[in-house]
Protein backbone atom coordinates (compact mmCIF):
# COMPACT_ATOMS: atom_id res chain seq x y z
CA MET A 1 -21.62 -52.45 -4.01
CA SER A 2 -25.42 -51.65 -5.30
CA ASP A 3 -28.40 -53.52 -5.38
CA VAL A 4 -28.76 -55.14 -9.09
CA ALA A 5 -32.05 -55.27 -10.52
CA VAL A 6 -33.87 -56.85 -13.86
CA VAL A 7 -36.75 -55.62 -15.07
CA THR A 8 -38.59 -57.57 -17.92
CA GLY A 9 -40.48 -55.29 -20.39
CA ALA A 10 -38.87 -52.31 -19.30
CA SER A 11 -39.12 -50.21 -22.47
CA ARG A 12 -42.33 -48.53 -21.93
CA GLY A 13 -45.20 -48.57 -19.62
CA ILE A 14 -45.27 -49.86 -15.82
CA GLY A 15 -41.85 -51.84 -16.70
CA ALA A 16 -40.14 -48.40 -17.67
CA ALA A 17 -41.46 -46.56 -14.60
CA VAL A 18 -39.94 -49.51 -12.27
CA ALA A 19 -36.56 -49.31 -14.04
CA ARG A 20 -36.58 -45.50 -13.47
CA LEU A 21 -37.53 -45.88 -9.79
CA LEU A 22 -34.97 -48.37 -8.94
CA GLY A 23 -32.31 -46.67 -11.02
CA SER A 24 -33.49 -43.11 -8.73
CA ASN A 25 -32.88 -45.57 -5.56
CA GLY A 26 -29.49 -47.12 -6.10
CA TYR A 27 -29.90 -49.86 -8.14
CA ALA A 28 -28.00 -51.00 -11.17
CA VAL A 29 -30.62 -51.83 -14.02
CA ALA A 30 -30.93 -54.43 -16.50
CA VAL A 31 -33.76 -52.82 -19.21
CA ASN A 32 -35.13 -55.81 -20.86
CA TYR A 33 -36.80 -55.24 -23.95
CA ARG A 34 -37.80 -57.56 -26.92
CA ALA A 35 -38.05 -55.46 -30.10
CA GLU A 36 -38.09 -51.59 -28.97
CA GLU A 37 -34.13 -50.87 -28.50
CA ALA A 38 -34.49 -47.13 -28.67
CA ALA A 39 -37.37 -46.97 -26.11
CA ALA A 40 -34.95 -49.13 -23.85
CA GLN A 41 -32.24 -46.96 -24.56
CA ALA A 42 -34.24 -43.80 -23.74
CA VAL A 43 -35.00 -45.30 -20.30
CA VAL A 44 -31.36 -46.31 -19.82
CA ALA A 45 -30.75 -42.65 -20.47
CA ASP A 46 -32.99 -41.44 -18.05
CA ILE A 47 -31.52 -43.34 -15.32
CA GLU A 48 -27.92 -42.17 -16.20
CA SER A 49 -28.82 -38.77 -16.57
CA ALA A 50 -30.31 -39.00 -12.97
CA GLY A 51 -27.16 -40.48 -11.78
CA GLY A 52 -27.74 -44.24 -11.78
CA ARG A 53 -26.43 -47.06 -13.85
CA ALA A 54 -28.42 -49.21 -16.23
CA ILE A 55 -27.66 -50.92 -19.30
CA ALA A 56 -30.48 -52.16 -22.04
CA VAL A 57 -30.69 -55.93 -22.65
CA GLN A 58 -32.64 -57.88 -25.74
CA ALA A 59 -34.11 -60.89 -24.94
CA ASP A 60 -37.42 -62.64 -25.93
CA VAL A 61 -38.39 -63.69 -22.18
CA SER A 62 -40.08 -66.77 -23.70
CA ARG A 63 -37.15 -68.00 -25.02
CA ALA A 64 -35.09 -69.88 -22.87
CA GLY A 65 -31.81 -69.12 -24.78
CA ASP A 66 -32.33 -65.38 -24.64
CA VAL A 67 -33.34 -65.66 -20.66
CA ARG A 68 -30.14 -67.31 -20.00
CA ARG A 69 -27.99 -65.01 -22.16
CA MET A 70 -29.72 -61.88 -20.85
CA PHE A 71 -28.82 -62.95 -17.30
CA GLU A 72 -25.35 -63.66 -17.93
CA THR A 73 -24.91 -60.24 -19.43
CA VAL A 74 -26.29 -58.82 -16.19
CA ASP A 75 -23.72 -60.99 -14.22
CA GLU A 76 -20.85 -59.70 -16.64
CA ARG A 77 -21.61 -55.87 -16.63
CA LEU A 78 -23.59 -55.32 -13.82
CA GLY A 79 -22.91 -57.99 -10.97
CA THR A 80 -24.69 -59.78 -8.47
CA LEU A 81 -28.57 -59.88 -9.24
CA THR A 82 -30.56 -58.96 -6.04
CA ALA A 83 -33.84 -58.09 -7.62
CA LEU A 84 -35.93 -59.51 -10.59
CA VAL A 85 -39.30 -57.65 -11.65
CA ASN A 86 -41.08 -60.07 -13.89
CA ASN A 87 -43.24 -57.40 -15.70
CA ALA A 88 -42.80 -58.31 -19.23
CA GLY A 89 -46.58 -59.56 -20.76
CA VAL A 90 -48.86 -59.30 -23.91
CA VAL A 91 -52.49 -59.13 -24.16
CA GLY A 92 -53.01 -60.87 -27.26
CA PRO A 93 -56.14 -60.32 -29.64
CA ARG A 94 -59.34 -58.68 -27.76
CA THR A 95 -61.70 -61.61 -28.73
CA ARG A 96 -64.29 -64.16 -27.14
CA VAL A 97 -62.88 -67.43 -26.08
CA ASP A 98 -64.43 -69.32 -29.09
CA ALA A 99 -62.55 -67.06 -31.66
CA LEU A 100 -59.26 -67.16 -29.97
CA ALA A 101 -56.67 -68.82 -32.52
CA PRO A 102 -54.57 -71.17 -30.70
CA ALA A 103 -51.28 -69.63 -31.66
CA ASP A 104 -52.46 -66.50 -30.26
CA LEU A 105 -53.17 -68.28 -27.09
CA GLU A 106 -49.85 -70.16 -27.05
CA ARG A 107 -48.07 -66.73 -27.61
CA VAL A 108 -49.92 -64.94 -24.25
CA LEU A 109 -48.87 -67.99 -22.24
CA ALA A 110 -45.23 -68.20 -23.40
CA VAL A 111 -44.63 -64.84 -22.61
CA ASN A 112 -47.00 -64.03 -19.31
CA VAL A 113 -46.41 -67.49 -18.01
CA THR A 114 -43.62 -69.68 -19.36
CA GLY A 115 -41.37 -66.49 -19.83
CA LEU A 116 -41.97 -65.28 -16.27
CA VAL A 117 -41.19 -69.04 -14.93
CA LEU A 118 -37.89 -69.28 -16.99
CA CYS A 119 -36.39 -65.61 -15.73
CA THR A 120 -37.39 -66.68 -12.08
CA GLN A 121 -35.25 -70.25 -12.60
CA GLU A 122 -32.32 -67.93 -13.49
CA ALA A 123 -32.84 -65.49 -10.66
CA LEU A 124 -33.12 -68.15 -8.24
CA ARG A 125 -29.77 -69.91 -9.21
CA ARG A 126 -27.94 -66.65 -8.48
CA MET A 127 -29.86 -65.38 -5.30
CA SER A 128 -31.10 -68.48 -3.30
CA THR A 129 -28.92 -69.71 -0.67
CA ARG A 130 -29.64 -73.31 -1.83
CA HIS A 131 -27.45 -72.50 -4.92
CA GLY A 132 -24.77 -70.24 -3.20
CA GLY A 133 -26.58 -66.92 -3.28
CA LYS A 134 -26.98 -64.06 -0.50
CA GLY A 135 -30.77 -63.84 -1.19
CA GLY A 136 -32.88 -61.24 -2.87
CA ALA A 137 -36.30 -60.34 -4.12
CA ILE A 138 -38.56 -61.04 -6.82
CA VAL A 139 -41.88 -59.03 -7.93
CA ASN A 140 -44.25 -60.68 -10.33
CA ILE A 141 -46.34 -58.06 -12.03
CA SER A 142 -50.15 -59.74 -12.52
CA SER A 143 -53.43 -57.97 -13.05
CA GLY A 144 -56.87 -57.05 -11.72
CA SER A 145 -57.75 -59.33 -14.69
CA ALA A 146 -57.14 -62.30 -12.60
CA TYR A 147 -59.89 -61.44 -10.68
CA ILE A 148 -62.22 -59.99 -12.91
CA GLY A 149 -62.07 -62.64 -15.75
CA GLY A 150 -61.96 -60.39 -18.87
CA ALA A 151 -65.24 -61.52 -20.20
CA GLY A 152 -65.73 -60.98 -24.03
CA GLU A 153 -62.21 -59.76 -24.71
CA SER A 154 -59.50 -61.15 -22.74
CA VAL A 155 -60.13 -64.37 -20.75
CA HIS A 156 -57.05 -65.65 -22.08
CA TYR A 157 -55.05 -63.04 -20.60
CA ALA A 158 -56.82 -63.33 -17.23
CA VAL A 159 -55.95 -66.80 -17.38
CA SER A 160 -52.37 -66.09 -17.44
CA LYS A 161 -52.41 -63.44 -14.84
CA GLY A 162 -54.18 -66.36 -12.51
CA ALA A 163 -51.51 -68.34 -13.22
CA VAL A 164 -49.08 -65.91 -12.22
CA ASN A 165 -50.77 -65.69 -8.93
CA SER A 166 -50.75 -68.80 -8.32
CA PHE A 167 -46.89 -69.23 -9.02
CA THR A 168 -46.34 -66.49 -6.42
CA ILE A 169 -48.27 -68.30 -3.68
CA GLY A 170 -46.31 -71.33 -4.50
CA LEU A 171 -42.90 -70.00 -5.23
CA SER A 172 -42.89 -67.71 -2.27
CA GLN A 173 -43.47 -70.56 0.19
CA GLU A 174 -40.78 -72.77 -1.47
CA VAL A 175 -38.02 -70.30 -1.37
CA ALA A 176 -38.85 -67.72 1.60
CA GLY A 177 -36.19 -69.85 3.56
CA GLU A 178 -33.67 -69.52 1.30
CA GLY A 179 -33.49 -65.61 1.53
CA VAL A 180 -35.57 -65.00 -1.39
CA ARG A 181 -38.84 -63.09 -0.93
CA VAL A 182 -41.50 -63.26 -3.84
CA ASN A 183 -44.60 -61.27 -3.95
CA ALA A 184 -46.76 -59.49 -6.82
CA VAL A 185 -48.64 -56.33 -7.71
CA SER A 186 -51.60 -56.52 -9.34
CA PRO A 187 -52.59 -53.16 -10.81
CA GLY A 188 -55.91 -51.89 -12.19
CA LEU A 189 -56.65 -49.88 -15.24
CA THR A 190 -53.12 -47.90 -15.78
CA ARG A 191 -52.10 -45.33 -18.47
CA THR A 192 -50.14 -47.28 -20.57
CA ASP A 193 -50.34 -48.67 -24.33
CA MET A 194 -51.83 -52.11 -23.18
CA PRO A 195 -55.31 -50.80 -22.71
CA SER A 196 -57.50 -49.56 -25.46
CA ALA A 197 -57.82 -45.92 -25.81
CA GLU A 198 -61.31 -46.29 -25.45
CA ALA A 199 -61.11 -47.83 -21.74
CA LEU A 200 -58.56 -45.34 -20.88
CA ALA A 201 -61.13 -42.38 -21.86
CA SER A 202 -64.02 -43.97 -20.28
CA ALA A 203 -63.13 -46.39 -17.60
CA GLY A 204 -62.18 -43.66 -14.64
CA SER A 205 -65.84 -42.76 -13.53
CA ARG A 206 -66.35 -46.41 -12.85
CA ILE A 207 -63.10 -46.59 -10.52
CA PRO A 208 -63.89 -45.73 -7.21
CA MET A 209 -61.26 -42.82 -6.70
CA GLY A 210 -62.87 -41.65 -10.23
CA ARG A 211 -59.27 -41.89 -12.50
CA ILE A 212 -57.14 -44.39 -13.76
CA GLY A 213 -53.52 -45.38 -12.36
CA GLU A 214 -50.31 -43.69 -13.62
CA PRO A 215 -47.34 -46.31 -14.21
CA GLU A 216 -45.40 -44.37 -11.27
CA GLU A 217 -48.02 -45.34 -8.72
CA ILE A 218 -47.76 -49.12 -9.45
CA ALA A 219 -43.81 -48.69 -9.44
CA GLU A 220 -44.06 -47.33 -6.12
CA ALA A 221 -45.63 -50.51 -4.61
CA VAL A 222 -42.97 -52.84 -6.57
CA MET A 223 -40.17 -50.64 -4.58
CA TRP A 224 -41.49 -51.04 -1.55
CA LEU A 225 -42.02 -55.12 -1.85
CA LEU A 226 -38.29 -55.20 -3.20
CA SER A 227 -36.99 -53.00 -0.25
CA PRO A 228 -35.80 -54.11 3.31
CA ARG A 229 -39.01 -52.41 4.65
CA ALA A 230 -40.85 -55.25 3.05
CA GLY A 231 -38.42 -57.69 4.76
CA TYR A 232 -41.30 -59.88 6.38
CA VAL A 233 -43.42 -59.82 3.15
CA ALA A 234 -43.50 -62.71 0.99
CA GLY A 235 -46.63 -64.42 -0.82
CA ALA A 236 -48.32 -61.14 -0.84
CA ASN A 237 -50.14 -59.63 -3.96
CA ILE A 238 -51.02 -55.84 -3.41
CA ARG A 239 -53.85 -54.40 -5.54
CA VAL A 240 -53.06 -51.26 -6.75
CA ALA A 241 -56.51 -50.17 -8.48
CA GLY A 242 -57.86 -46.96 -6.86
CA GLY A 243 -60.26 -48.95 -4.81
CA ARG A 244 -61.47 -51.47 -7.11
CA PRO A 245 -61.72 -55.24 -5.93
C-alpha cells in the first residue's frame, strides 16, 4: 500500500512542485485547490503521466466543512492518510499596517492560520495513535517573512507565518509520542506568482547565492522531512533561502 498525502494549495507554485515530487516518489497525492480546477487537474495529469496516482480535491481550507469533506474524499478514493503538507496561503494586499482593512486581515489569518489548524486536526484524527492511527508526518510551509517582518507591505502576512512557526513548535511536542512528526520549511524568495514581478526581477543580487529559489528546491526539503530519512526530526524549521537568514 502506498503512502497517501494531502497537499493544500497544490494547483501552482510550491504546492504543485511538492505534489509532483511526492507523486514521483510513490505517494498517492490529493492535489487541493480552492478555485483553479484546470491548474490542479494539470498537476494530477503530470503525476499520472509519470506513473503515479493523484486526484484533485476542491476545498477552501478556511472552511471547516470543506476541510472535512476533502479528507473524507481522500479516505474514500486514496486510502489511509500518512502525510499532510500545509501549503495553502495568501499574502493579502501589499500595504502598511495602518492602511490594512479588517476584512483583508481576517482573510489572511483565516487561510494561513485557521486553515492550517483545521487541516491538521483532520490529519491527526487519521494518523495519531491516540485516535487509532499508525502515524505519519506533517510539514507546514512557513516563510522567511516571519523572521524579516515584511515592513511596509506585508506585516500581516509575516504575523500569520509567525503563528505557523509557533504552531509547529507546540504541535510537534504534543504529538511526537503519538507517531506523528511535525516540521516546517521556511522558503526564501521563490519563483512563484506570490512575489511581485519587481521582487523576482531585482532581489537576486541581495541573496548570498545570487539568485532566487525554484519551487522544486523547496519541495526537496519537504520530501526529506516527510521521508523515513528524517525519522528522528520533529519541531524543525528548515530555512531554504539561498543563504539569507
